[in-house]
PDB file of N, CA and C in Angstrom:
ATOM      1  N   MET A   1       4.279  -3.859  10.382  1.00  0.00           N
ATOM      2  CA  MET A   1       4.423  -4.493   8.907  1.00  0.00           C
ATOM      3  C   MET A   1       3.798  -3.365   8.007  1.00  0.00           C
ATOM      4  N   ILE A   2       4.209  -3.540   6.995  1.00  0.00           N
ATOM      5  CA  ILE A   2       4.007  -2.539   5.910  1.00  0.00           C
ATOM      6  C   ILE A   2       3.272  -2.662   4.815  1.00  0.00           C
ATOM      7  N   LEU A   3       2.543  -2.241   4.110  1.00  0.00           N
ATOM      8  CA  LEU A   3       1.609  -2.497   2.897  1.00  0.00           C
ATOM      9  C   LEU A   3       1.999  -1.183   1.840  1.00  0.00           C
ATOM     10  N   GLU A   4       2.552  -1.802   0.989  1.00  0.00           N
ATOM     11  CA  GLU A   4       3.229  -0.734  -0.362  1.00  0.00           C
ATOM     12  C   GLU A   4       1.998  -0.849  -1.372  1.00  0.00           C
ATOM     13  N   LEU A   5       1.997   0.662  -1.496  1.00  0.00           N
ATOM     14  CA  LEU A   5       0.613   0.748  -2.622  1.00  0.00           C
ATOM     15  C   LEU A   5       1.395   1.545  -3.616  1.00  0.00           C
ATOM     16  N   PRO A   6       0.615   1.417  -5.143  1.00  0.00           N
ATOM     17  CA  PRO A   6      -0.498   0.585  -5.375  1.00  0.00           C
ATOM     18  C   PRO A   6      -0.229  -1.066  -5.449  1.00  0.00           C
ATOM     19  N   LEU A   7      -1.502  -1.626  -5.339  1.00  0.00           N
ATOM     20  CA  LEU A   7      -1.214  -3.104  -5.403  1.00  0.00           C
ATOM     21  C   LEU A   7      -1.068  -3.470  -6.579  1.00  0.00           C
ATOM     22  N   ARG A   8      -1.378  -3.034  -7.611  1.00  0.00           N
ATOM     23  CA  ARG A   8      -1.107  -3.213  -9.248  1.00  0.00           C
ATOM     24  C   ARG A   8      -0.802  -2.222 -10.014  1.00  0.00           C
ATOM     25  N   ASP A   9      -0.123  -2.582 -11.010  1.00  0.00           N
ATOM     26  CA  ASP A   9       0.380  -1.444 -11.884  1.00  0.00           C
ATOM     27  C   ASP A   9      -0.186  -1.934 -13.374  1.00  0.00           C
ATOM     28  N   PRO A  10      -1.445  -1.124 -13.691  1.00  0.00           N
ATOM     29  CA  PRO A  10      -1.805  -1.416 -15.195  1.00  0.00           C
ATOM     30  C   PRO A  10      -0.826  -1.005 -16.444  1.00  0.00           C
ATOM     31  N   ASP A  11       0.191  -0.658 -16.267  1.00  0.00           N
ATOM     32  CA  ASP A  11       0.982  -0.227 -17.394  1.00  0.00           C
ATOM     33  C   ASP A  11       2.016  -1.421 -17.409  1.00  0.00           C
ATOM     34  N   LEU A  12       1.792  -2.427 -16.491  1.00  0.00           N
ATOM     35  CA  LEU A  12       2.644  -3.682 -16.686  1.00  0.00           C
ATOM     36  C   LEU A  12       1.877  -4.722 -17.509  1.00  0.00           C
ATOM     37  N   GLY A  13       2.445  -5.903 -18.252  1.00  0.00           N
ATOM     38  CA  GLY A  13       1.701  -6.803 -18.735  1.00  0.00           C
ATOM     39  C   GLY A  13       1.037  -7.634 -18.113  1.00  0.00           C
ATOM     40  N   ASN A  14       1.530  -7.764 -16.674  1.00  0.00           N
ATOM     41  CA  ASN A  14       0.894  -8.365 -15.660  1.00  0.00           C
ATOM     42  C   ASN A  14       1.116  -7.291 -14.351  1.00  0.00           C
ATOM     43  N   PRO A  15      -0.201  -7.142 -14.357  1.00  0.00           N
ATOM     44  CA  PRO A  15      -0.173  -5.993 -13.131  1.00  0.00           C
ATOM     45  C   PRO A  15       0.153  -6.297 -11.931  1.00  0.00           C
ATOM     46  N   ASP A  16       0.161  -7.563 -11.477  1.00  0.00           N
ATOM     47  CA  ASP A  16       0.635  -7.934 -10.082  1.00  0.00           C
ATOM     48  C   ASP A  16       2.166  -7.825 -10.182  1.00  0.00           C
ATOM     49  N   LEU A  17       2.883  -7.725 -11.243  1.00  0.00           N
ATOM     50  CA  LEU A  17       4.244  -7.580 -11.064  1.00  0.00           C
ATOM     51  C   LEU A  17       4.788  -6.466 -10.388  1.00  0.00           C
ATOM     52  N   VAL A  18       4.113  -5.616 -10.083  1.00  0.00           N
ATOM     53  CA  VAL A  18       4.794  -4.497  -9.178  1.00  0.00           C
ATOM     54  C   VAL A  18       4.979  -5.022  -7.891  1.00  0.00           C
ATOM     55  N   ASN A  19       4.615  -5.961  -7.424  1.00  0.00           N
ATOM     56  CA  ASN A  19       4.761  -6.523  -5.829  1.00  0.00           C
ATOM     57  C   ASN A  19       6.065  -7.071  -6.060  1.00  0.00           C
ATOM     58  N   ILE A  20       6.778  -7.656  -7.351  1.00  0.00           N
ATOM     59  CA  ILE A  20       8.338  -8.130  -7.288  1.00  0.00           C
ATOM     60  C   ILE A  20       9.306  -6.987  -6.737  1.00  0.00           C
ATOM     61  N   SER A  21       8.749  -5.761  -7.371  1.00  0.00           N
ATOM     62  CA  SER A  21       9.812  -4.710  -7.032  1.00  0.00           C
ATOM     63  C   SER A  21       9.767  -4.218  -5.850  1.00  0.00           C
ATOM     64  N   TYR A  22       8.680  -4.200  -5.113  1.00  0.00           N
ATOM     65  CA  TYR A  22       8.527  -3.858  -3.908  1.00  0.00           C
ATOM     66  C   TYR A  22       9.197  -4.901  -3.014  1.00  0.00           C
ATOM     67  N   MET A  23       9.037  -6.311  -2.997  1.00  0.00           N
ATOM     68  CA  MET A  23       9.889  -7.083  -2.431  1.00  0.00           C
ATOM     69  C   MET A  23      11.409  -6.901  -2.457  1.00  0.00           C
ATOM     70  N   TYR A  24      11.757  -6.464  -3.859  1.00  0.00           N
ATOM     71  CA  TYR A  24      13.274  -6.359  -3.930  1.00  0.00           C
ATOM     72  C   TYR A  24      13.743  -5.010  -3.074  1.00  0.00           C
ATOM     73  N   PHE A  25      13.020  -3.763  -3.375  1.00  0.00           N
ATOM     74  CA  PHE A  25      13.357  -3.027  -2.974  1.00  0.00           C
ATOM     75  C   PHE A  25      13.177  -2.761  -1.154  1.00  0.00           C
ATOM     76  N   GLY A  26      12.255  -3.744  -0.788  1.00  0.00           N
ATOM     77  CA  GLY A  26      12.132  -3.612   0.505  1.00  0.00           C
ATOM     78  C   GLY A  26      13.353  -4.190   1.463  1.00  0.00           C
ATOM     79  N   THR A  27      14.704  -4.816   0.394  1.00  0.00           N
ATOM     80  CA  THR A  27      15.487  -5.346   1.214  1.00  0.00           C
ATOM     81  C   THR A  27      16.448  -3.957   1.794  1.00  0.00           C
ATOM     82  N   ARG A  28      16.226  -2.592   1.421  1.00  0.00           N
ATOM     83  CA  ARG A  28      16.861  -1.526   1.823  1.00  0.00           C
ATOM     84  C   ARG A  28      16.015  -1.431   3.383  1.00  0.00           C
ATOM     85  N   HIS A  29      14.802  -1.345   3.656  1.00  0.00           N
ATOM     86  CA  HIS A  29      14.378  -1.358   4.740  1.00  0.00           C
ATOM     87  C   HIS A  29      14.076  -2.703   5.679  1.00  0.00           C
ATOM     88  N   TRP A  30      14.107  -3.637   5.249  1.00  0.00           N
ATOM     89  CA  TRP A  30      13.806  -5.008   5.913  1.00  0.00           C
ATOM     90  C   TRP A  30      12.613  -4.947   6.826  1.00  0.00           C
ATOM     91  N   LYS A  31      11.546  -4.117   6.232  1.00  0.00           N
ATOM     92  CA  LYS A  31      10.300  -4.445   7.028  1.00  0.00           C
ATOM     93  C   LYS A  31       9.525  -5.501   6.609  1.00  0.00           C
ATOM     94  N   PRO A  32       8.817  -5.949   7.541  1.00  0.00           N
ATOM     95  CA  PRO A  32       7.715  -7.156   6.919  1.00  0.00           C
ATOM     96  C   PRO A  32       6.919  -6.393   5.915  1.00  0.00           C
ATOM     97  N   LEU A  33       6.519  -7.191   4.506  1.00  0.00           N
ATOM     98  CA  LEU A  33       5.525  -6.500   3.637  1.00  0.00           C
ATOM     99  C   LEU A  33       4.062  -7.195   3.757  1.00  0.00           C
ATOM    100  N   VAL A  34       3.243  -6.622   3.559  1.00  0.00           N
ATOM    101  CA  VAL A  34       1.916  -7.532   3.397  1.00  0.00           C
ATOM    102  C   VAL A  34       2.072  -8.018   1.749  1.00  0.00           C
ATOM    103  N   ASN A  35       2.665  -7.074   0.721  1.00  0.00           N
ATOM    104  CA  ASN A  35       2.665  -7.519  -0.507  1.00  0.00           C
ATOM    105  C   ASN A  35       3.326  -8.854  -0.695  1.00  0.00           C
ATOM    106  N   GLY A  36       3.240  -9.415  -1.793  1.00  0.00           N
ATOM    107  CA  GLY A  36       4.207 -10.429  -2.326  1.00  0.00           C
ATOM    108  C   GLY A  36       3.754 -10.969  -3.539  1.00  0.00           C
ATOM    109  N   TYR A  37       4.513 -11.747  -4.026  1.00  0.00           N
ATOM    110  CA  TYR A  37       4.135 -12.502  -5.392  1.00  0.00           C
ATOM    111  C   TYR A  37       4.755 -13.869  -5.546  1.00  0.00           C
ATOM    112  N   GLY A  38       3.844 -14.758  -6.025  1.00  0.00           N
ATOM    113  CA  GLY A  38       4.297 -16.102  -6.146  1.00  0.00           C
ATOM    114  C   GLY A  38       3.357 -16.965  -7.231  1.00  0.00           C
ATOM    115  N   ALA A  39       3.720 -17.858  -7.427  1.00  0.00           N
ATOM    116  CA  ALA A  39       2.845 -18.853  -8.247  1.00  0.00           C
ATOM    117  C   ALA A  39       1.616 -19.331  -7.820  1.00  0.00           C
ATOM    118  N   HIS A  40       1.354 -18.965  -6.300  1.00  0.00           N
ATOM    119  CA  HIS A  40      -0.109 -19.371  -5.558  1.00  0.00           C
ATOM    120  C   HIS A  40      -0.250 -17.907  -4.990  1.00  0.00           C
ATOM    121  N   THR A  41      -1.371 -17.540  -4.963  1.00  0.00           N
ATOM    122  CA  THR A  41      -1.866 -16.242  -4.317  1.00  0.00           C
ATOM    123  C   THR A  41      -2.483 -16.497  -3.338  1.00  0.00           C
ATOM    124  N   PRO A  42      -2.467 -16.593  -2.023  1.00  0.00           N
ATOM    125  CA  PRO A  42      -3.168 -17.025  -0.909  1.00  0.00           C
ATOM    126  C   PRO A  42      -4.636 -16.135  -0.832  1.00  0.00           C
ATOM    127  N   PRO A  43      -5.521 -16.695  -0.497  1.00  0.00           N
ATOM    128  CA  PRO A  43      -7.153 -16.200  -0.392  1.00  0.00           C
ATOM    129  C   PRO A  43      -7.218 -14.995   0.421  1.00  0.00           C
ATOM    130  N   GLU A  44      -6.066 -14.507   1.254  1.00  0.00           N
ATOM    131  CA  GLU A  44      -5.955 -13.313   1.929  1.00  0.00           C
ATOM    132  C   GLU A  44      -5.687 -12.052   0.958  1.00  0.00           C
ATOM    133  N   GLN A  45      -4.486 -12.374   0.327  1.00  0.00           N
ATOM    134  CA  GLN A  45      -4.062 -11.581  -1.056  1.00  0.00           C
ATOM    135  C   GLN A  45      -5.079 -11.014  -1.798  1.00  0.00           C
ATOM    136  N   GLU A  46      -5.997 -12.577  -2.381  1.00  0.00           N
ATOM    137  CA  GLU A  46      -7.154 -11.909  -3.097  1.00  0.00           C
ATOM    138  C   GLU A  46      -8.148 -10.934  -2.522  1.00  0.00           C
ATOM    139  N   MET A  47      -8.512 -11.284  -1.075  1.00  0.00           N
ATOM    140  CA  MET A  47      -9.446 -10.365  -0.698  1.00  0.00           C
ATOM    141  C   MET A  47      -8.886  -9.016  -0.473  1.00  0.00           C
ATOM    142  N   LEU A  48      -7.916  -8.928  -0.155  1.00  0.00           N
ATOM    143  CA  LEU A  48      -6.775  -7.522  -0.115  1.00  0.00           C
ATOM    144  C   LEU A  48      -7.292  -6.824  -1.186  1.00  0.00           C
ATOM    145  N   ARG A  49      -6.921  -7.502  -2.431  1.00  0.00           N
ATOM    146  CA  ARG A  49      -7.009  -6.529  -3.660  1.00  0.00           C
ATOM    147  C   ARG A  49      -8.327  -6.276  -3.897  1.00  0.00           C
ATOM    148  N   GLU A  50      -9.368  -7.048  -3.398  1.00  0.00           N
ATOM    149  CA  GLU A  50     -10.913  -6.311  -3.595  1.00  0.00           C
ATOM    150  C   GLU A  50     -11.270  -5.486  -2.648  1.00  0.00           C
ATOM    151  N   ILE A  51     -10.833  -5.335  -1.607  1.00  0.00           N
ATOM    152  CA  ILE A  51     -11.175  -4.222  -0.616  1.00  0.00           C
ATOM    153  C   ILE A  51     -10.109  -3.180  -0.435  1.00  0.00           C
ATOM    154  N   CYS A  52      -8.760  -3.119  -1.042  1.00  0.00           N
ATOM    155  CA  CYS A  52      -8.284  -1.992  -0.848  1.00  0.00           C
ATOM    156  C   CYS A  52      -7.581  -1.654  -2.070  1.00  0.00           C
ATOM    157  N   CYS A  53      -7.114  -0.666  -2.208  1.00  0.00           N
ATOM    158  CA  CYS A  53      -6.940   0.587  -1.551  1.00  0.00           C
ATOM    159  C   CYS A  53      -6.833   1.592  -2.507  1.00  0.00           C
ATOM    160  N   TRP A  54      -8.148   2.404  -3.103  1.00  0.00           N
ATOM    161  CA  TRP A  54      -7.689   3.603  -4.136  1.00  0.00           C
ATOM    162  C   TRP A  54      -8.235   5.114  -3.445  1.00  0.00           C
ATOM    163  N   PRO A  55      -7.372   5.699  -3.372  1.00  0.00           N
ATOM    164  CA  PRO A  55      -5.792   5.506  -3.173  1.00  0.00           C
ATOM    165  C   PRO A  55      -5.216   4.569  -1.843  1.00  0.00           C
ATOM    166  N   LEU A  56      -5.721   4.984  -0.974  1.00  0.00           N
ATOM    167  CA  LEU A  56      -5.496   4.332   0.409  1.00  0.00           C
ATOM    168  C   LEU A  56      -6.350   4.018   0.848  1.00  0.00           C
ATOM    169  N   PRO A  57      -6.160   2.755   2.088  1.00  0.00           N
ATOM    170  CA  PRO A  57      -7.221   1.938   2.505  1.00  0.00           C
ATOM    171  C   PRO A  57      -8.374   2.776   3.251  1.00  0.00           C
ATOM    172  N   ASP A  58      -9.711   2.684   3.292  1.00  0.00           N
ATOM    173  CA  ASP A  58     -10.840   2.998   3.931  1.00  0.00           C
ATOM    174  C   ASP A  58     -10.839   2.574   5.128  1.00  0.00           C
ATOM    175  N   ALA A  59     -12.003   2.553   6.094  1.00  0.00           N
ATOM    176  CA  ALA A  59     -12.333   1.877   7.282  1.00  0.00           C
ATOM    177  C   ALA A  59     -12.186   0.789   7.529  1.00  0.00           C
ATOM    178  N   PRO A  60     -13.011   0.066   6.685  1.00  0.00           N
ATOM    179  CA  PRO A  60     -13.012  -1.572   6.315  1.00  0.00           C
ATOM    180  C   PRO A  60     -11.582  -1.876   6.336  1.00  0.00           C
ATOM    181  N   ALA A  61     -11.141  -1.581   4.996  1.00  0.00           N
ATOM    182  CA  ALA A  61      -9.585  -1.965   4.769  1.00  0.00           C
ATOM    183  C   ALA A  61      -8.676  -1.876   5.915  1.00  0.00           C
ATOM    184  N   GLN A  62      -8.750  -0.780   6.628  1.00  0.00           N
ATOM    185  CA  GLN A  62      -7.729  -0.589   7.770  1.00  0.00           C
ATOM    186  C   GLN A  62      -7.877  -1.378   8.604  1.00  0.00           C
ATOM    187  N   ALA A  63      -9.274  -1.663   9.182  1.00  0.00           N
ATOM    188  CA  ALA A  63      -9.367  -2.710  10.260  1.00  0.00           C
ATOM    189  C   ALA A  63      -8.924  -4.108   9.749  1.00  0.00           C
ATOM    190  N   VAL A  64      -9.205  -4.565   8.819  1.00  0.00           N
ATOM    191  CA  VAL A  64      -8.297  -5.760   8.345  1.00  0.00           C
ATOM    192  C   VAL A  64      -6.873  -5.927   8.396  1.00  0.00           C
ATOM    193  N   LEU A  65      -6.365  -4.668   7.794  1.00  0.00           N
ATOM    194  CA  LEU A  65      -4.887  -4.561   7.878  1.00  0.00           C
ATOM    195  C   LEU A  65      -4.373  -4.202   9.277  1.00  0.00           C
ATOM    196  N   THR A  66      -5.027  -3.786  10.141  1.00  0.00           N
ATOM    197  CA  THR A  66      -4.526  -3.664  11.710  1.00  0.00           C
ATOM    198  C   THR A  66      -4.617  -4.794  12.163  1.00  0.00           C
ATOM    199  N   ARG A  67      -5.536  -5.623  11.978  1.00  0.00           N
ATOM    200  CA  ARG A  67      -5.565  -6.944  12.592  1.00  0.00           C
ATOM    201  C   ARG A  67      -4.576  -7.889  12.225  1.00  0.00           C
ATOM    202  N   TRP A  68      -3.975  -7.386  10.697  1.00  0.00           N
ATOM    203  CA  TRP A  68      -2.813  -8.172  10.394  1.00  0.00           C
ATOM    204  C   TRP A  68      -1.601  -7.567  10.930  1.00  0.00           C
ATOM    205  N   GLY A  69      -1.743  -6.924  11.852  1.00  0.00           N
ATOM    206  CA  GLY A  69      -0.518  -5.869  12.099  1.00  0.00           C
ATOM    207  C   GLY A  69       0.224  -4.944  11.366  1.00  0.00           C
ATOM    208  N   VAL A  70      -0.370  -4.606  10.425  1.00  0.00           N
ATOM    209  CA  VAL A  70       0.227  -3.589   9.788  1.00  0.00           C
ATOM    210  C   VAL A  70       0.035  -2.200  10.387  1.00  0.00           C
ATOM    211  N   THR A  71       1.374  -1.637  10.307  1.00  0.00           N
ATOM    212  CA  THR A  71       1.100  -0.300  11.218  1.00  0.00           C
ATOM    213  C   THR A  71       1.307   0.844  10.363  1.00  0.00           C
ATOM    214  N   HIS A  72       1.970   0.864   8.974  1.00  0.00           N
ATOM    215  CA  HIS A  72       2.591   1.630   7.894  1.00  0.00           C
ATOM    216  C   HIS A  72       1.680   1.160   6.432  1.00  0.00           C
ATOM    217  N   VAL A  73       1.683   2.250   5.999  1.00  0.00           N
ATOM    218  CA  VAL A  73       1.465   2.165   4.408  1.00  0.00           C
ATOM    219  C   VAL A  73       2.247   3.288   3.644  1.00  0.00           C
ATOM    220  N   LEU A  74       3.149   2.347   2.570  1.00  0.00           N
ATOM    221  CA  LEU A  74       4.074   3.222   1.913  1.00  0.00           C
ATOM    222  C   LEU A  74       3.443   3.154   0.458  1.00  0.00           C
ATOM    223  N   LEU A  75       3.143   4.756   0.140  1.00  0.00           N
ATOM    224  CA  LEU A  75       2.409   4.550  -1.216  1.00  0.00           C
ATOM    225  C   LEU A  75       3.033   5.624  -2.351  1.00  0.00           C
ATOM    226  N   HIS A  76       3.489   5.029  -3.344  1.00  0.00           N
ATOM    227  CA  HIS A  76       3.931   5.983  -4.380  1.00  0.00           C
ATOM    228  C   HIS A  76       3.130   6.632  -5.291  1.00  0.00           C
ATOM    229  N   ALA A  77       2.760   7.851  -4.783  1.00  0.00           N
ATOM    230  CA  ALA A  77       1.811   8.959  -4.958  1.00  0.00           C
ATOM    231  C   ALA A  77       2.341   9.508  -6.343  1.00  0.00           C
ATOM    232  N   GLY A  78       3.387   9.294  -6.757  1.00  0.00           N
ATOM    233  CA  GLY A  78       3.863  10.172  -8.177  1.00  0.00           C
ATOM    234  C   GLY A  78       2.889  10.013  -9.217  1.00  0.00           C
ATOM    235  N   SER A  79       2.568   8.521  -9.154  1.00  0.00           N
ATOM    236  CA  SER A  79       1.501   8.254 -10.313  1.00  0.00           C
ATOM    237  C   SER A  79       0.125   7.983 -10.679  1.00  0.00           C
ATOM    238  N   LEU A  80      -0.404   9.029  -9.343  1.00  0.00           N
ATOM    239  CA  LEU A  80      -1.909   9.213  -9.067  1.00  0.00           C
ATOM    240  C   LEU A  80      -2.378  10.157  -9.857  1.00  0.00           C
ATOM    241  N   SER A  81      -3.249   9.944 -10.441  1.00  0.00           N
ATOM    242  CA  SER A  81      -4.604  10.958 -10.905  1.00  0.00           C
ATOM    243  C   SER A  81      -4.851  12.091 -10.083  1.00  0.00           C
ATOM    244  N   GLY A  82      -5.424  13.132 -10.778  1.00  0.00           N
ATOM    245  CA  GLY A  82      -5.965  14.405  -9.565  1.00  0.00           C
ATOM    246  C   GLY A  82      -6.639  13.977  -8.604  1.00  0.00           C
ATOM    247  N   TRP A  83      -7.721  13.196  -8.831  1.00  0.00           N
ATOM    248  CA  TRP A  83      -8.689  12.815  -8.223  1.00  0.00           C
ATOM    249  C   TRP A  83      -8.009  11.994  -6.830  1.00  0.00           C
ATOM    250  N   GLN A  84      -7.433  11.244  -7.172  1.00  0.00           N
ATOM    251  CA  GLN A  84      -6.529  10.459  -6.198  1.00  0.00           C
ATOM    252  C   GLN A  84      -5.599  11.134  -5.373  1.00  0.00           C
ATOM    253  N   ARG A  85      -4.894  12.257  -5.654  1.00  0.00           N
ATOM    254  CA  ARG A  85      -4.230  12.893  -5.242  1.00  0.00           C
ATOM    255  C   ARG A  85      -5.263  13.944  -4.065  1.00  0.00           C
ATOM    256  N   ARG A  86      -6.148  14.181  -4.515  1.00  0.00           N
ATOM    257  CA  ARG A  86      -7.141  14.741  -3.536  1.00  0.00           C
ATOM    258  C   ARG A  86      -7.735  13.926  -2.650  1.00  0.00           C
ATOM    259  N   ALA A  87      -8.045  12.652  -2.786  1.00  0.00           N
ATOM    260  CA  ALA A  87      -8.428  11.750  -1.953  1.00  0.00           C
ATOM    261  C   ALA A  87      -7.304  11.696  -0.794  1.00  0.00           C
ATOM    262  N   LEU A  88      -5.870  12.073  -0.758  1.00  0.00           N
ATOM    263  CA  LEU A  88      -5.136  11.978   0.212  1.00  0.00           C
ATOM    264  C   LEU A  88      -5.283  12.945   1.457  1.00  0.00           C
ATOM    265  N   ASP A  89      -6.055  14.057   0.804  1.00  0.00           N
ATOM    266  CA  ASP A  89      -5.972  15.324   1.968  1.00  0.00           C
ATOM    267  C   ASP A  89      -6.293  14.515   3.211  1.00  0.00           C
ATOM    268  N   PRO A  90      -7.448  13.925   3.560  1.00  0.00           N
ATOM    269  CA  PRO A  90      -7.495  13.607   4.761  1.00  0.00           C
ATOM    270  C   PRO A  90      -6.720  12.913   5.572  1.00  0.00           C
ATOM    271  N   TRP A  91      -5.646  12.031   4.662  1.00  0.00           N
ATOM    272  CA  TRP A  91      -4.722  11.380   5.348  1.00  0.00           C
ATOM    273  C   TRP A  91      -3.425  12.361   6.109  1.00  0.00           C
ATOM    274  N   GLN A  92      -3.507  13.664   5.645  1.00  0.00           N
ATOM    275  CA  GLN A  92      -2.416  14.663   5.731  1.00  0.00           C
ATOM    276  C   GLN A  92      -1.694  14.336   7.499  1.00  0.00           C
ATOM    277  N   GLN A  93      -2.260  14.225   8.341  1.00  0.00           N
ATOM    278  CA  GLN A  93      -1.967  14.359   9.915  1.00  0.00           C
ATOM    279  C   GLN A  93      -1.253  12.694   9.992  1.00  0.00           C
ATOM    280  N   ALA A  94      -1.573  11.755   9.234  1.00  0.00           N
ATOM    281  CA  ALA A  94      -0.982  10.717   9.183  1.00  0.00           C
ATOM    282  C   ALA A  94       0.218  10.295   8.725  1.00  0.00           C
ATOM    283  N   LEU A  95       0.552  11.392   7.651  1.00  0.00           N
ATOM    284  CA  LEU A  95       1.829  11.686   7.067  1.00  0.00           C
ATOM    285  C   LEU A  95       2.937  11.450   8.164  1.00  0.00           C
ATOM    286  N   VAL A  96       3.907  10.729   7.840  1.00  0.00           N
ATOM    287  CA  VAL A  96       5.229  11.034   8.560  1.00  0.00           C
ATOM    288  C   VAL A  96       6.584  10.802   7.690  1.00  0.00           C
ATOM    289  N   TYR A  97       6.374  10.534   6.484  1.00  0.00           N
ATOM    290  CA  TYR A  97       7.449  10.932   5.595  1.00  0.00           C
ATOM    291  C   TYR A  97       7.007  11.113   4.348  1.00  0.00           C
ATOM    292  N   ARG A  98       7.868  11.821   3.275  1.00  0.00           N
ATOM    293  CA  ARG A  98       7.540  12.325   1.914  1.00  0.00           C
ATOM    294  C   ARG A  98       8.941  12.630   1.172  1.00  0.00           C
ATOM    295  N   ASP A  99       9.062  11.985   0.137  1.00  0.00           N
ATOM    296  CA  ASP A  99      10.676  12.169  -0.407  1.00  0.00           C
ATOM    297  C   ASP A  99      10.148  13.048  -1.475  1.00  0.00           C
ATOM    298  N   ALA A 100      11.291  13.141  -2.513  1.00  0.00           N
ATOM    299  CA  ALA A 100      11.168  14.408  -3.662  1.00  0.00           C
ATOM    300  C   ALA A 100      10.456  13.073  -5.015  1.00  0.00           C
ATOM    301  N   ARG A 101      10.464  12.104  -4.782  1.00  0.00           N
ATOM    302  CA  ARG A 101       9.633  11.505  -5.698  1.00  0.00           C
ATOM    303  C   ARG A 101       8.054  11.272  -5.502  1.00  0.00           C
ATOM    304  N   ASP A 102       7.764  11.947  -4.340  1.00  0.00           N
ATOM    305  CA  ASP A 102       6.397  11.901  -4.213  1.00  0.00           C
ATOM    306  C   ASP A 102       6.019  10.453  -3.389  1.00  0.00           C
ATOM    307  N   ASP A 103       7.032   9.630  -2.958  1.00  0.00           N
ATOM    308  CA  ASP A 103       6.725   8.237  -2.186  1.00  0.00           C
ATOM    309  C   ASP A 103       6.467   8.921  -0.766  1.00  0.00           C
ATOM    310  N   ARG A 104       5.374   8.167  -0.121  1.00  0.00           N
ATOM    311  CA  ARG A 104       4.688   8.862   1.143  1.00  0.00           C
ATOM    312  C   ARG A 104       4.586   7.544   2.158  1.00  0.00           C
ATOM    313  N   VAL A 105       4.963   7.470   3.519  1.00  0.00           N
ATOM    314  CA  VAL A 105       4.726   6.897   4.399  1.00  0.00           C
ATOM    315  C   VAL A 105       3.662   7.461   5.430  1.00  0.00           C
ATOM    316  N   TYR A 106       2.510   6.610   5.285  1.00  0.00           N
ATOM    317  CA  TYR A 106       1.261   6.871   6.414  1.00  0.00           C
ATOM    318  C   TYR A 106       1.515   6.096   7.766  1.00  0.00           C
ATOM    319  N   ARG A 107       1.115   6.539   8.831  1.00  0.00           N
ATOM    320  CA  ARG A 107       1.060   5.514   9.932  1.00  0.00           C
ATOM    321  C   ARG A 107      -1.178   5.379  10.042  1.00  0.00           C
ATOM    322  N   LEU A 108      -0.964   3.813  10.117  1.00  0.00           N
ATOM    323  CA  LEU A 108      -2.417   3.696  10.075  1.00  0.00           C
ATOM    324  C   LEU A 108      -2.937   3.865  11.473  1.00  0.00           C
ATOM    325  N   PRO A 109      -4.143   4.506  11.606  1.00  0.00           N
ATOM    326  CA  PRO A 109      -4.620   4.872  12.769  1.00  0.00           C
ATOM    327  C   PRO A 109      -4.778   3.423  13.790  1.00  0.00           C
ATOM    328  N   ALA A 110      -4.546   3.520  15.170  1.00  0.00           N
ATOM    329  CA  ALA A 110      -4.548   2.510  16.067  1.00  0.00           C
ATOM    330  C   ALA A 110      -5.907   1.690  15.670  1.00  0.00           C
ATOM    331  N   ALA A 111      -5.973   0.446  16.303  1.00  0.00           N
ATOM    332  CA  ALA A 111      -7.273  -0.149  16.262  1.00  0.00           C
ATOM    333  C   ALA A 111      -8.041   0.305  17.431  1.00  0.00           C
ATOM    334  N   GLU A 112      -9.529   0.495  17.092  1.00  0.00           N
ATOM    335  CA  GLU A 112     -10.211   0.735  18.038  1.00  0.00           C
ATOM    336  C   GLU A 112     -10.778  -0.518  18.930  1.00  0.00           C
TER     337      GLU A 112
END
């Protein structure tokens, strides 16, 4: 299962609409996504928005994601600010893919 980040896009009229594009483009890889969008937001999704992820999940958020079966995080890093890009440095060992647009895929550490 994949978590696609960022969870919100402040440049959109409704910042949560970014998840619609993730769902649409997910048809290219057909991996299950944590992200979703609908008229009803499950409590788990609200909780995820509160604890996750600027720019990537911290240890408590990783623990939740691992329990949910998330193995990878897809980050659209091209829109990150300088401080957010510096926060990616500790994740370099987990990087498994990076493309020309600076979309990155990280493997979440295994549960302990």
